[in-house]
Amino acid sequence: MSDAAMIVAGAIACLGLAGAGSAFGTGLAAAAAVGAWKKCYAANKPAPFLLLSFVGAPITQTLYE
């Protein structure tokens, strides 16, 4: 394998792993936010809007990559 191909493969692996980690983190954060939202709904309290920012936080690692 040539040097240029290794560089491209490394860049693809870097972005791919960061994207997979972001997807995993966003999925877990979304599940936690749904649980918290349901708990607030059951207690007749308004759900905090901050939950949405917690769901979107893991995607930033891919955006800054």
N, C-alpha and C. Protein backbone atom coordinates (compact mmCIF):
# COMPACT_ATOMS: atom_id res chain seq x y z
N MET A 1 0.85 -1.17 0.00
CA MET A 1 0.00 0.00 0.00
C MET A 1 0.89 1.24 0.00
N SER A 2 0.53 2.20 -0.81
CA SER A 2 1.35 3.41 -0.90
C SER A 2 1.08 4.34 0.28
N ASP A 3 1.95 5.32 0.40
CA ASP A 3 1.80 6.28 1.51
C ASP A 3 0.51 7.09 1.39
N ALA A 4 0.16 7.47 0.17
CA ALA A 4 -1.06 8.26 -0.02
C ALA A 4 -2.29 7.45 0.35
N ALA A 5 -2.29 6.18 0.02
CA ALA A 5 -3.44 5.33 0.35
C ALA A 5 -3.55 5.15 1.86
N MET A 6 -2.43 5.06 2.55
CA MET A 6 -2.47 4.93 4.01
C MET A 6 -3.00 6.21 4.66
N ILE A 7 -2.65 7.35 4.09
CA ILE A 7 -3.13 8.62 4.62
C ILE A 7 -4.65 8.72 4.45
N VAL A 8 -5.13 8.35 3.28
CA VAL A 8 -6.57 8.39 3.02
C VAL A 8 -7.30 7.38 3.91
N ALA A 9 -6.74 6.19 4.06
CA ALA A 9 -7.36 5.17 4.91
C ALA A 9 -7.41 5.64 6.37
N GLY A 10 -6.36 6.30 6.82
CA GLY A 10 -6.35 6.83 8.19
C GLY A 10 -7.38 7.92 8.39
N ALA A 11 -7.54 8.78 7.41
CA ALA A 11 -8.53 9.85 7.51
C ALA A 11 -9.95 9.27 7.52
N ILE A 12 -10.18 8.28 6.68
CA ILE A 12 -11.51 7.64 6.63
C ILE A 12 -11.79 6.92 7.95
N ALA A 13 -10.80 6.23 8.49
CA ALA A 13 -10.99 5.53 9.76
C ALA A 13 -11.25 6.52 10.89
N CYS A 14 -10.56 7.64 10.88
CA CYS A 14 -10.74 8.66 11.91
C CYS A 14 -12.17 9.21 11.90
N LEU A 15 -12.63 9.60 10.73
CA LEU A 15 -13.99 10.14 10.64
C LEU A 15 -15.05 9.07 10.88
N GLY A 16 -14.78 7.85 10.42
CA GLY A 16 -15.74 6.77 10.62
C GLY A 16 -15.90 6.40 12.08
N LEU A 17 -14.81 6.29 12.80
CA LEU A 17 -14.89 5.97 14.23
C LEU A 17 -15.51 7.10 15.03
N ALA A 18 -15.20 8.34 14.66
CA ALA A 18 -15.81 9.48 15.35
C ALA A 18 -17.31 9.51 15.09
N GLY A 19 -17.72 9.20 13.86
CA GLY A 19 -19.14 9.16 13.54
C GLY A 19 -19.86 8.05 14.27
N ALA A 20 -19.23 6.88 14.37
CA ALA A 20 -19.84 5.76 15.09
C ALA A 20 -19.98 6.08 16.58
N GLY A 21 -18.97 6.70 17.15
CA GLY A 21 -19.05 7.11 18.55
C GLY A 21 -20.13 8.15 18.79
N SER A 22 -20.26 9.08 17.85
CA SER A 22 -21.31 10.09 17.98
C SER A 22 -22.69 9.47 17.89
N ALA A 23 -22.86 8.53 16.98
CA ALA A 23 -24.15 7.87 16.84
C ALA A 23 -24.50 7.09 18.10
N PHE A 24 -23.53 6.40 18.65
CA PHE A 24 -23.76 5.63 19.88
C PHE A 24 -24.10 6.57 21.04
N GLY A 25 -23.34 7.64 21.18
CA GLY A 25 -23.58 8.60 22.26
C GLY A 25 -24.91 9.32 22.12
N THR A 26 -25.27 9.68 20.90
CA THR A 26 -26.54 10.36 20.68
C THR A 26 -27.71 9.43 20.97
N GLY A 27 -27.56 8.16 20.60
CA GLY A 27 -28.62 7.19 20.90
C GLY A 27 -28.83 7.00 22.39
N LEU A 28 -27.74 6.89 23.13
CA LEU A 28 -27.87 6.74 24.58
C LEU A 28 -28.43 8.00 25.23
N ALA A 29 -27.98 9.15 24.76
CA ALA A 29 -28.48 10.40 25.32
C ALA A 29 -29.96 10.59 25.00
N ALA A 30 -30.39 10.18 23.82
CA ALA A 30 -31.80 10.30 23.46
C ALA A 30 -32.66 9.39 24.33
N ALA A 31 -32.18 8.17 24.59
CA ALA A 31 -32.93 7.25 25.45
C ALA A 31 -33.04 7.81 26.87
N ALA A 32 -31.97 8.40 27.36
CA ALA A 32 -32.01 9.00 28.70
C ALA A 32 -32.94 10.21 28.73
N ALA A 33 -32.94 11.00 27.67
CA ALA A 33 -33.81 12.17 27.63
C ALA A 33 -35.28 11.76 27.58
N VAL A 34 -35.58 10.70 26.84
CA VAL A 34 -36.96 10.21 26.79
C VAL A 34 -37.39 9.73 28.18
N GLY A 35 -36.50 9.04 28.88
CA GLY A 35 -36.82 8.58 30.23
C GLY A 35 -37.05 9.75 31.19
N ALA A 36 -36.21 10.76 31.09
CA ALA A 36 -36.37 11.94 31.96
C ALA A 36 -37.64 12.70 31.61
N TRP A 37 -37.93 12.78 30.31
CA TRP A 37 -39.14 13.48 29.87
C TRP A 37 -40.39 12.74 30.38
N LYS A 38 -40.36 11.42 30.32
CA LYS A 38 -41.49 10.62 30.80
C LYS A 38 -41.67 10.78 32.31
N LYS A 39 -40.55 10.85 33.03
CA LYS A 39 -40.62 11.03 34.48
C LYS A 39 -41.22 12.40 34.83
N CYS A 40 -40.84 13.43 34.10
CA CYS A 40 -41.43 14.75 34.33
C CYS A 40 -42.91 14.76 33.97
N TYR A 41 -43.26 14.08 32.90
CA TYR A 41 -44.67 14.02 32.49
C TYR A 41 -45.51 13.30 33.54
N ALA A 42 -44.97 12.23 34.11
CA ALA A 42 -45.70 11.47 35.13
C ALA A 42 -45.89 12.30 36.40
N ALA A 43 -44.97 13.21 36.68
CA ALA A 43 -45.06 14.05 37.87
C ALA A 43 -45.79 15.37 37.59
N ASN A 44 -46.37 15.52 36.39
CA ASN A 44 -47.06 16.75 35.97
C ASN A 44 -46.17 17.98 36.07
N LYS A 45 -44.91 17.82 35.70
CA LYS A 45 -43.98 18.94 35.67
C LYS A 45 -43.56 19.17 34.22
N PRO A 46 -43.23 20.41 33.87
CA PRO A 46 -42.75 20.63 32.50
C PRO A 46 -41.34 20.05 32.34
N ALA A 47 -41.10 19.47 31.20
CA ALA A 47 -39.78 18.90 30.92
C ALA A 47 -38.80 20.03 30.58
N PRO A 48 -37.61 20.01 31.13
CA PRO A 48 -36.64 21.06 30.81
C PRO A 48 -36.15 20.97 29.37
N PHE A 49 -36.03 22.12 28.74
CA PHE A 49 -35.56 22.17 27.35
C PHE A 49 -34.10 21.77 27.25
N LEU A 50 -33.37 21.82 28.35
CA LEU A 50 -31.96 21.47 28.36
C LEU A 50 -31.73 20.02 27.95
N LEU A 51 -32.74 19.18 28.08
CA LEU A 51 -32.60 17.78 27.67
C LEU A 51 -32.25 17.67 26.19
N LEU A 52 -32.78 18.56 25.36
CA LEU A 52 -32.47 18.51 23.93
C LEU A 52 -31.02 18.82 23.66
N SER A 53 -30.43 19.71 24.43
CA SER A 53 -29.01 20.01 24.22
C SER A 53 -28.13 18.85 24.65
N PHE A 54 -28.57 18.09 25.65
CA PHE A 54 -27.81 16.90 26.05
C PHE A 54 -27.84 15.84 24.97
N VAL A 55 -28.94 15.75 24.25
CA VAL A 55 -29.05 14.78 23.16
C VAL A 55 -28.11 15.16 22.02
N GLY A 56 -28.01 16.44 21.73
CA GLY A 56 -27.19 16.89 20.60
C GLY A 56 -25.72 17.02 20.91
N ALA A 57 -25.33 16.93 22.16
CA ALA A 57 -23.93 17.16 22.53
C ALA A 57 -22.95 16.14 21.92
N PRO A 58 -23.26 14.85 21.87
CA PRO A 58 -22.27 13.91 21.33
C PRO A 58 -21.93 14.12 19.85
N ILE A 59 -22.82 14.72 19.09
CA ILE A 59 -22.55 14.91 17.66
C ILE A 59 -21.45 15.96 17.44
N THR A 60 -21.17 16.79 18.44
CA THR A 60 -20.16 17.83 18.26
C THR A 60 -18.76 17.26 18.08
N GLN A 61 -18.49 16.07 18.58
CA GLN A 61 -17.16 15.52 18.38
C GLN A 61 -16.90 15.21 16.90
N THR A 62 -17.94 14.87 16.15
CA THR A 62 -17.76 14.66 14.72
C THR A 62 -17.65 15.99 13.99
N LEU A 63 -18.41 16.99 14.42
CA LEU A 63 -18.37 18.28 13.75
C LEU A 63 -17.02 18.96 13.92
N TYR A 64 -16.39 18.78 15.06
CA TYR A 64 -15.10 19.41 15.30
C TYR A 64 -13.93 18.57 14.82
N GLU A 65 -14.19 17.37 14.37
CA GLU A 65 -13.13 16.45 13.93
C GLU A 65 -12.45 16.96 12.70
